[in-house]
Amino acid sequence: MAEAYIVDAVRTAGGRRGGRLAGVHAVDLGAAVYDAIADRNDFDTGAIEDVITGCVSQAGEQANDVGRNAVLASNLPDSIPAVTIDRQCGSSQQSIQFAAQGIMSGTQDLVLASGIESMTRVPMGSTSKLYKDAGLGLYKSDRLEEKYPKVYFSQFMGAEMVAKKHGLTKEQLDEYSYESHRRAAEATGRGAFDNEIVGIKVETPEGSEMHMRDEGIRFDASLEGMAALDPLQEGGIISAANASQICDGASAVLVASEQAVKDHGFKPRARIVNLTVTAGDPVIMLEEPLFATDRALQRAGMKMDDIDLYEVNEAFAPVPLAWLKHTGADHSKINVNGGAIALGHPLGASGTKLMATLVNAMENKGAKYGLQTMCEGGGQANVTIIERLN
């Protein structure tokens, strides 16, 4: 089977809900990362055969194939097609995997995988709520209701269930979340994100500025302050402090075949080793990365000890903690520059965002193998294993 290579990976700095990126249209966020890929790599962009874009809330400003609209708004040729996909929080990780599959199959040579999500301008859940409120129906059909009677599929409730199943306490969740902010603050201070972040021009009361720093990091975070926050549900342990932050952002990863690497003189940064996607219990929902990781390692002929760094999306703190407990992985190697609790989780853009962070972290630390996984709505999970090349 042909090899697939990661040539480059970029992301915007995260914007908090109603924050610095609130005035930027989602299409323009996508166009900015597409342009950055073109500007950072000297090649004929007309050779890109497809753009695959992850986006969860495909309505309003993110409707009508937001990926294609971002291509049209960018400096890329209008001749490049694009498709927008939804695998919930794993949408743009799936875009990487679809891009790689196209290349490994020999049907394509150069594909741009990406993700776009403005959670300020197209609020989470609005695509379902607006239709329901207008009397136009709900996603749950009669047959689905018969199979899962009176079940409301909720990631929040799934997080509570994961915590309970794995014996996690609020203290453990808060400690993990504090560490996420601490790691993100430290990484920002030493410039660990500089090579992955694409500047976005924003308007502020002081005038135009380039948005270059993740807005959600609490540089003054304290464990005492986090512990003082009440759970979001009476009797629960999930609070605003130990859940991911609503976030605006976009990200992109250029994936190439060996032939494209030769034709364009690319120096690939990583080789894709394994692509795995699995599904399980849609009610507890967020536990699937544990089992998807088991399968990915088995299919790759690898063990957990072979992996040098891991990015496990911090949708809620119970997810990475349960993953660590299940896999026996080294806590010091997970989300080494902080995760979504500090940096934000722009839903459909998170997969390619995490990949940009993982590739850069591996280069900075001289790591050979990296693993990325994402919990997703419907009880799904993606796992991607990569090998650093330079």
Protein backbone atom coordinates (compact mmCIF):
# COMPACT_ATOMS: atom_id res chain seq x y z
CA MET A 1 0.00 0.00 0.00
CA ALA A 2 1.22 3.51 -0.82
CA GLU A 3 2.47 5.77 1.98
CA ALA A 4 0.78 9.02 3.04
CA TYR A 5 2.86 11.88 4.41
CA ILE A 6 2.06 15.01 6.40
CA VAL A 7 3.78 17.92 4.69
CA ASP A 8 2.57 20.69 6.98
CA ALA A 9 -0.01 21.41 9.69
CA VAL A 10 -1.32 24.78 10.90
CA ARG A 11 -4.05 26.23 13.07
CA THR A 12 -5.44 29.51 14.24
CA ALA A 13 -5.02 30.45 17.87
CA GLY A 14 -8.24 29.63 19.68
CA GLY A 15 -10.81 32.33 20.30
CA ARG A 16 -13.13 32.24 23.30
CA ARG A 17 -16.90 32.43 22.79
CA GLY A 18 -17.66 36.05 22.02
CA GLY A 19 -13.94 36.79 22.10
CA ARG A 20 -11.28 37.96 19.68
CA LEU A 21 -12.42 35.82 16.74
CA ALA A 22 -16.11 36.53 17.20
CA GLY A 23 -16.06 39.11 14.41
CA VAL A 24 -14.51 36.76 11.86
CA HIS A 25 -16.76 34.75 9.54
CA ALA A 26 -16.15 30.99 9.67
CA VAL A 27 -15.43 30.91 5.94
CA ASP A 28 -12.67 33.47 6.41
CA LEU A 29 -11.14 31.43 9.25
CA GLY A 30 -10.88 28.51 6.86
CA ALA A 31 -9.50 30.65 4.05
CA ALA A 32 -6.75 31.91 6.37
CA VAL A 33 -5.38 28.44 7.15
CA TYR A 34 -5.63 27.40 3.51
CA ASP A 35 -3.62 30.46 2.51
CA ALA A 36 -1.07 29.71 5.22
CA ILE A 37 -0.50 26.21 3.85
CA ALA A 38 0.10 27.73 0.41
CA ASP A 39 2.36 30.50 1.71
CA ARG A 40 4.51 28.24 3.89
CA ASN A 41 5.11 25.66 1.16
CA ASP A 42 6.49 26.56 -2.26
CA PHE A 43 4.37 24.50 -4.67
CA ASP A 44 1.68 24.78 -7.33
CA THR A 45 -1.49 24.83 -5.24
CA GLY A 46 -3.47 23.84 -8.32
CA ALA A 47 -2.11 20.34 -7.72
CA ILE A 48 -4.34 19.96 -4.64
CA GLU A 49 -6.94 17.42 -5.73
CA ASP A 50 -9.45 17.88 -2.94
CA VAL A 51 -10.11 19.75 0.28
CA ILE A 52 -11.85 17.72 3.00
CA THR A 53 -13.24 19.90 5.76
CA GLY A 54 -14.61 18.87 9.14
CA CYS A 55 -17.43 20.97 10.56
CA VAL A 56 -20.04 19.93 13.12
CA SER A 57 -22.58 22.78 12.99
CA GLN A 58 -23.29 22.96 9.27
CA ALA A 59 -25.87 25.73 9.29
CA GLY A 60 -26.03 29.49 8.83
CA GLU A 61 -22.56 30.82 8.08
CA GLN A 62 -21.25 27.24 8.01
CA ALA A 63 -23.88 25.92 5.59
CA ASN A 64 -23.61 25.16 1.87
CA ASP A 65 -20.32 23.23 2.05
CA VAL A 66 -18.28 25.59 4.22
CA GLY A 67 -15.06 23.95 3.02
CA ARG A 68 -15.78 24.84 -0.60
CA ASN A 69 -16.74 28.39 0.39
CA ALA A 70 -13.44 28.71 2.25
CA VAL A 71 -11.59 27.60 -0.90
CA LEU A 72 -13.44 30.26 -2.91
CA ALA A 73 -12.61 32.91 -0.29
CA SER A 74 -8.94 31.89 -0.18
CA ASN A 75 -6.10 32.40 -2.63
CA LEU A 76 -6.34 28.78 -3.77
CA PRO A 77 -7.55 28.18 -7.34
CA ASP A 78 -11.32 27.94 -7.70
CA SER A 79 -10.73 24.68 -9.58
CA ILE A 80 -10.04 22.81 -6.31
CA PRO A 81 -13.10 20.85 -5.12
CA ALA A 82 -14.04 20.55 -1.46
CA VAL A 83 -16.37 18.51 0.69
CA THR A 84 -17.54 19.12 4.26
CA ILE A 85 -17.99 16.18 6.63
CA ASP A 86 -19.38 15.60 10.11
CA ARG A 87 -18.08 12.96 12.47
CA GLN A 88 -18.89 15.19 15.42
CA CYS A 89 -15.78 16.20 17.40
CA GLY A 90 -13.61 13.94 15.25
CA SER A 91 -14.68 15.56 11.98
CA SER A 92 -11.32 16.99 10.94
CA GLN A 93 -9.36 14.04 12.30
CA GLN A 94 -11.53 12.04 9.94
CA SER A 95 -10.68 14.52 7.20
CA ILE A 96 -7.00 13.59 7.71
CA GLN A 97 -7.88 9.91 7.54
CA PHE A 98 -10.02 10.31 4.40
CA ALA A 99 -7.19 12.31 2.80
CA ALA A 100 -4.68 9.61 3.71
CA GLN A 101 -6.97 6.88 2.43
CA GLY A 102 -7.27 8.63 -0.91
CA ILE A 103 -3.51 8.74 -1.16
CA MET A 104 -2.89 5.20 0.13
CA SER A 105 -5.40 3.87 -2.41
CA GLY A 106 -3.46 5.49 -5.22
CA THR A 107 -6.42 7.56 -6.42
CA GLN A 108 -5.03 10.91 -5.23
CA ASP A 109 -1.63 12.48 -4.62
CA LEU A 110 -2.24 15.73 -2.75
CA VAL A 111 -5.17 16.46 -0.43
CA LEU A 112 -5.79 19.25 2.06
CA ALA A 113 -7.50 18.09 5.25
CA SER A 114 -9.01 20.80 7.42
CA GLY A 115 -11.56 21.85 10.02
CA ILE A 116 -13.61 24.98 10.56
CA GLU A 117 -15.84 25.92 13.50
CA SER A 118 -17.04 29.27 14.81
CA MET A 119 -18.91 28.31 17.95
CA THR A 120 -19.69 31.95 18.60
CA ARG A 121 -21.39 32.60 15.27
CA VAL A 122 -22.99 29.15 14.87
CA PRO A 123 -23.67 28.03 18.45
CA MET A 124 -23.31 24.39 19.48
CA GLY A 125 -26.64 22.58 19.20
CA SER A 126 -28.28 25.30 17.13
CA THR A 127 -28.57 23.06 14.08
CA SER A 128 -30.90 20.78 16.03
CA LYS A 129 -32.61 23.31 18.31
CA LEU A 130 -33.68 25.75 15.61
CA TYR A 131 -35.41 23.01 13.64
CA LYS A 132 -37.06 21.59 16.75
CA ASP A 133 -38.29 25.00 17.86
CA ALA A 134 -39.70 25.62 14.38
CA GLY A 135 -41.68 22.38 14.55
CA LEU A 136 -39.55 20.73 11.86
CA GLY A 137 -38.63 17.63 13.83
CA LEU A 138 -35.75 16.17 15.82
CA TYR A 139 -32.84 13.88 14.92
CA LYS A 140 -34.34 11.02 16.95
CA SER A 141 -36.63 8.88 14.80
CA ASP A 142 -39.35 6.49 15.98
CA ARG A 143 -37.07 3.51 15.40
CA LEU A 144 -34.20 5.14 17.27
CA GLU A 145 -36.55 5.99 20.15
CA GLU A 146 -37.75 2.38 20.23
CA LYS A 147 -34.16 1.17 20.52
CA TYR A 148 -33.09 3.86 23.03
CA PRO A 149 -36.34 4.81 24.82
CA LYS A 150 -36.28 8.16 26.64
CA VAL A 151 -32.51 8.40 26.16
CA TYR A 152 -31.15 11.86 25.48
CA PHE A 153 -27.72 11.41 23.94
CA SER A 154 -25.60 13.83 25.92
CA GLN A 155 -21.82 14.22 25.99
CA PHE A 156 -22.14 15.94 29.36
CA MET A 157 -23.98 12.95 30.83
CA GLY A 158 -21.49 10.65 29.11
CA ALA A 159 -18.65 12.44 30.87
CA GLU A 160 -20.35 11.94 34.23
CA MET A 161 -20.83 8.26 33.42
CA VAL A 162 -17.17 7.81 32.41
CA ALA A 163 -16.03 9.44 35.65
CA LYS A 164 -18.27 7.20 37.72
CA LYS A 165 -17.35 4.01 35.85
CA HIS A 166 -13.62 4.63 36.25
CA GLY A 167 -13.82 5.78 39.87
CA LEU A 168 -12.67 9.34 39.24
CA THR A 169 -13.23 12.13 41.76
CA LYS A 170 -13.83 15.84 41.24
CA GLU A 171 -10.46 16.49 42.87
CA GLN A 172 -8.75 14.35 40.24
CA LEU A 173 -10.60 16.11 37.42
CA ASP A 174 -9.72 19.54 38.77
CA GLU A 175 -6.07 18.60 39.27
CA TYR A 176 -5.86 17.36 35.68
CA SER A 177 -7.55 20.53 34.40
CA TYR A 178 -5.22 22.78 36.36
CA GLU A 179 -2.29 20.95 34.81
CA SER A 180 -3.75 21.51 31.33
CA HIS A 181 -3.74 25.28 31.93
CA ARG A 182 -0.28 25.17 33.47
CA ARG A 183 1.16 23.22 30.55
CA ALA A 184 -0.54 25.49 27.99
CA ALA A 185 0.72 28.63 29.73
CA GLU A 186 4.25 27.27 29.90
CA ALA A 187 4.17 26.18 26.25
CA THR A 188 2.92 29.61 25.19
CA GLY A 189 5.66 31.30 27.19
CA ARG A 190 8.44 29.35 25.47
CA GLY A 191 6.95 29.75 21.98
CA ALA A 192 5.99 26.10 21.53
CA PHE A 193 2.97 27.06 19.40
CA ASP A 194 4.69 29.67 17.23
CA ASN A 195 5.30 27.36 14.27
CA GLU A 196 1.73 26.09 14.14
CA ILE A 197 -0.32 29.24 14.69
CA VAL A 198 -1.63 31.29 11.76
CA GLY A 199 -2.27 34.94 12.58
CA ILE A 200 -5.81 36.27 12.08
CA LYS A 201 -6.45 39.99 11.77
CA VAL A 202 -9.01 41.10 14.36
CA GLU A 203 -10.50 44.44 15.35
CA THR A 204 -10.14 45.52 18.98
CA PRO A 205 -10.96 48.77 20.83
CA GLU A 206 -7.29 49.66 20.38
CA GLY A 207 -7.39 49.01 16.62
CA SER A 208 -6.44 46.13 14.31
CA GLU A 209 -4.29 43.37 15.74
CA MET A 210 -3.11 39.90 14.74
CA HIS A 211 -4.65 37.20 16.91
CA MET A 212 -1.69 34.94 17.72
CA ARG A 213 -2.29 33.56 21.24
CA ASP A 214 -4.86 31.05 22.46
CA GLU A 215 -7.42 33.10 24.31
CA GLY A 216 -8.75 30.46 26.68
CA ILE A 217 -5.59 29.81 28.69
CA ARG A 218 -5.90 30.96 32.29
CA PHE A 219 -2.38 32.05 33.09
CA ASP A 220 -3.44 32.78 36.66
CA ALA A 221 -5.36 29.53 37.15
CA SER A 222 -5.34 28.08 40.64
CA LEU A 223 -6.40 24.68 41.84
CA GLU A 224 -8.31 26.35 44.67
CA GLY A 225 -10.30 28.45 42.22
CA MET A 226 -11.19 25.45 40.10
CA ALA A 227 -12.20 23.39 43.12
CA ALA A 228 -14.51 26.18 44.25
CA LEU A 229 -16.65 25.95 41.10
CA ASP A 230 -19.87 24.03 41.63
CA PRO A 231 -20.66 21.03 39.41
CA LEU A 232 -22.95 21.76 36.47
CA GLN A 233 -25.39 19.16 37.79
CA GLU A 234 -26.41 18.53 41.37
CA GLY A 235 -24.62 15.44 42.60
CA GLY A 236 -22.23 15.45 39.65
CA ILE A 237 -18.53 16.24 39.39
CA ILE A 238 -18.27 17.90 35.95
CA SER A 239 -17.82 21.67 36.24
CA ALA A 240 -16.93 24.47 33.84
CA ALA A 241 -13.35 24.13 35.09
CA ASN A 242 -12.87 20.49 34.04
CA ALA A 243 -14.62 20.65 30.67
CA SER A 244 -13.29 21.88 27.33
CA GLN A 245 -13.85 25.49 26.37
CA ILE A 246 -16.19 26.64 23.62
CA CYS A 247 -13.86 27.92 20.93
CA ASP A 248 -13.65 29.52 17.48
CA GLY A 249 -10.94 28.37 15.09
CA ALA A 250 -9.75 26.62 11.96
CA SER A 251 -6.88 24.28 11.10
CA ALA A 252 -5.40 22.43 8.12
CA VAL A 253 -3.04 19.56 7.30
CA LEU A 254 -1.49 18.97 3.87
CA VAL A 255 -1.27 15.25 3.07
CA ALA A 256 0.81 13.99 0.16
CA SER A 257 1.81 10.80 -1.63
CA GLU A 258 5.42 9.79 -2.22
CA GLN A 259 5.04 10.95 -5.83
CA ALA A 260 3.74 14.36 -4.77
CA VAL A 261 6.63 14.68 -2.33
CA LYS A 262 9.05 14.13 -5.22
CA ASP A 263 7.16 16.29 -7.73
CA HIS A 264 6.92 19.31 -5.43
CA GLY A 265 10.17 18.96 -3.53
CA PHE A 266 8.37 18.63 -0.19
CA LYS A 267 10.19 17.71 2.99
CA PRO A 268 7.45 15.78 4.80
CA ARG A 269 7.28 16.21 8.53
CA ALA A 270 5.58 12.90 9.35
CA ARG A 271 4.43 9.60 7.91
CA ILE A 272 0.97 8.28 8.68
CA VAL A 273 1.35 4.85 10.27
CA ASN A 274 -2.20 3.84 11.17
CA LEU A 275 -5.77 5.02 10.65
CA THR A 276 -8.46 3.60 12.90
CA VAL A 277 -12.08 4.49 13.60
CA THR A 278 -14.41 2.53 15.87
CA ALA A 279 -17.79 2.91 17.53
CA GLY A 280 -19.36 1.59 20.70
CA ASP A 281 -21.91 2.56 23.34
CA PRO A 282 -23.67 5.77 22.21
CA VAL A 283 -24.97 6.51 25.72
CA ILE A 284 -21.74 6.59 27.75
CA MET A 285 -20.40 7.86 24.42
CA LEU A 286 -17.03 9.33 25.39
CA GLU A 287 -15.30 6.10 26.41
CA GLU A 288 -14.62 4.82 22.90
CA PRO A 289 -11.07 6.26 22.54
CA LEU A 290 -9.93 3.64 25.07
CA PHE A 291 -10.98 0.75 22.87
CA ALA A 292 -10.10 2.46 19.60
CA THR A 293 -6.56 2.88 20.89
CA ASP A 294 -6.35 -0.83 21.70
CA ARG A 295 -7.40 -1.66 18.16
CA ALA A 296 -5.09 0.89 16.52
CA LEU A 297 -2.04 -0.40 18.39
CA GLN A 298 -2.93 -4.00 17.56
CA ARG A 299 -3.39 -3.22 13.86
CA ALA A 300 -0.12 -1.27 13.79
CA GLY A 301 1.76 -4.07 15.56
CA MET A 302 2.75 -1.64 18.30
CA LYS A 303 2.54 -1.33 22.06
CA MET A 304 1.79 1.70 24.18
CA ASP A 305 5.45 1.91 25.15
CA ASP A 306 6.32 2.48 21.47
CA ILE A 307 4.42 5.78 21.45
CA ASP A 308 6.41 8.82 22.57
CA LEU A 309 3.65 11.46 22.72
CA TYR A 310 -0.14 11.36 22.72
CA GLU A 311 -2.85 13.90 22.05
CA VAL A 312 -6.12 12.81 23.68
CA ASN A 313 -8.79 15.44 23.22
CA GLU A 314 -9.85 16.95 26.54
CA ALA A 315 -13.56 17.19 25.81
CA PHE A 316 -13.98 16.59 29.53
CA ALA A 317 -11.26 15.69 32.03
CA PRO A 318 -12.64 12.15 32.65
CA VAL A 319 -11.79 11.19 29.06
CA PRO A 320 -7.98 11.50 29.16
CA LEU A 321 -7.89 10.26 32.75
CA ALA A 322 -9.89 7.13 31.89
CA TRP A 323 -7.71 6.69 28.78
CA LEU A 324 -4.53 6.86 30.87
CA LYS A 325 -5.93 4.37 33.35
CA HIS A 326 -7.06 1.94 30.65
CA THR A 327 -3.93 2.04 28.50
CA GLY A 328 -1.35 2.38 31.27
CA ALA A 329 0.18 5.23 29.30
CA ASP A 330 2.69 7.67 30.80
CA HIS A 331 0.92 10.77 32.16
CA SER A 332 3.95 12.92 31.35
CA LYS A 333 3.50 12.21 27.61
CA ILE A 334 -0.15 13.18 27.23
CA ASN A 335 -1.13 16.61 25.89
CA VAL A 336 2.28 17.93 26.83
CA ASN A 337 1.39 21.50 25.77
CA GLY A 338 -2.03 21.47 27.38
CA GLY A 339 -5.31 20.44 25.83
CA ALA A 340 -8.82 21.59 25.07
CA ILE A 341 -9.58 22.43 28.70
CA ALA A 342 -7.09 25.27 28.37
CA LEU A 343 -6.77 25.80 24.63
CA GLY A 344 -10.38 25.31 23.56
CA HIS A 345 -12.26 22.72 21.52
CA PRO A 346 -13.54 24.16 18.22
CA LEU A 347 -15.53 21.00 17.50
CA GLY A 348 -15.03 20.21 13.80
CA ALA A 349 -11.66 21.98 13.71
CA SER A 350 -10.15 20.10 16.65
CA GLY A 351 -8.83 17.06 14.78
CA THR A 352 -6.50 18.94 12.45
CA LYS A 353 -5.76 21.38 15.28
CA LEU A 354 -4.50 18.58 17.52
CA MET A 355 -2.45 17.17 14.66
CA ALA A 356 -0.70 20.53 14.19
CA THR A 357 0.14 20.56 17.89
CA LEU A 358 1.24 16.91 17.92
CA VAL A 359 3.58 17.25 14.92
CA ASN A 360 5.23 20.35 16.39
CA ALA A 361 5.54 18.81 19.85
CA MET A 362 7.15 15.71 18.39
CA GLU A 363 9.68 17.83 16.52
CA ASN A 364 10.45 19.93 19.58
CA LYS A 365 10.98 16.86 21.75
CA GLY A 366 12.61 14.58 19.18
CA ALA A 367 9.79 12.04 19.49
CA LYS A 368 9.52 9.26 16.90
CA TYR A 369 5.92 8.09 17.21
CA GLY A 370 2.79 10.02 18.15
CA LEU A 371 -0.83 8.99 18.67
CA GLN A 372 -3.93 11.17 18.46
CA THR A 373 -7.42 10.17 19.51
CA MET A 374 -10.74 11.92 19.88
CA CYS A 375 -14.02 11.03 21.62
CA GLU A 376 -17.02 11.75 19.42
CA GLY A 377 -20.80 11.99 19.51
CA GLY A 378 -22.59 8.70 18.94
CA GLY A 379 -19.95 6.73 20.83
CA GLN A 380 -17.31 6.93 18.09
CA ALA A 381 -13.55 7.50 18.14
CA ASN A 382 -10.73 8.09 15.68
CA VAL A 383 -7.10 7.14 16.28
CA THR A 384 -4.23 8.28 14.06
CA ILE A 385 -0.63 7.15 14.60
CA ILE A 386 2.20 9.07 12.94
CA GLU A 387 5.98 8.80 12.68
CA ARG A 388 8.14 11.94 12.73
CA LEU A 389 10.50 12.20 9.76
CA ASN A 390 12.65 15.28 10.32
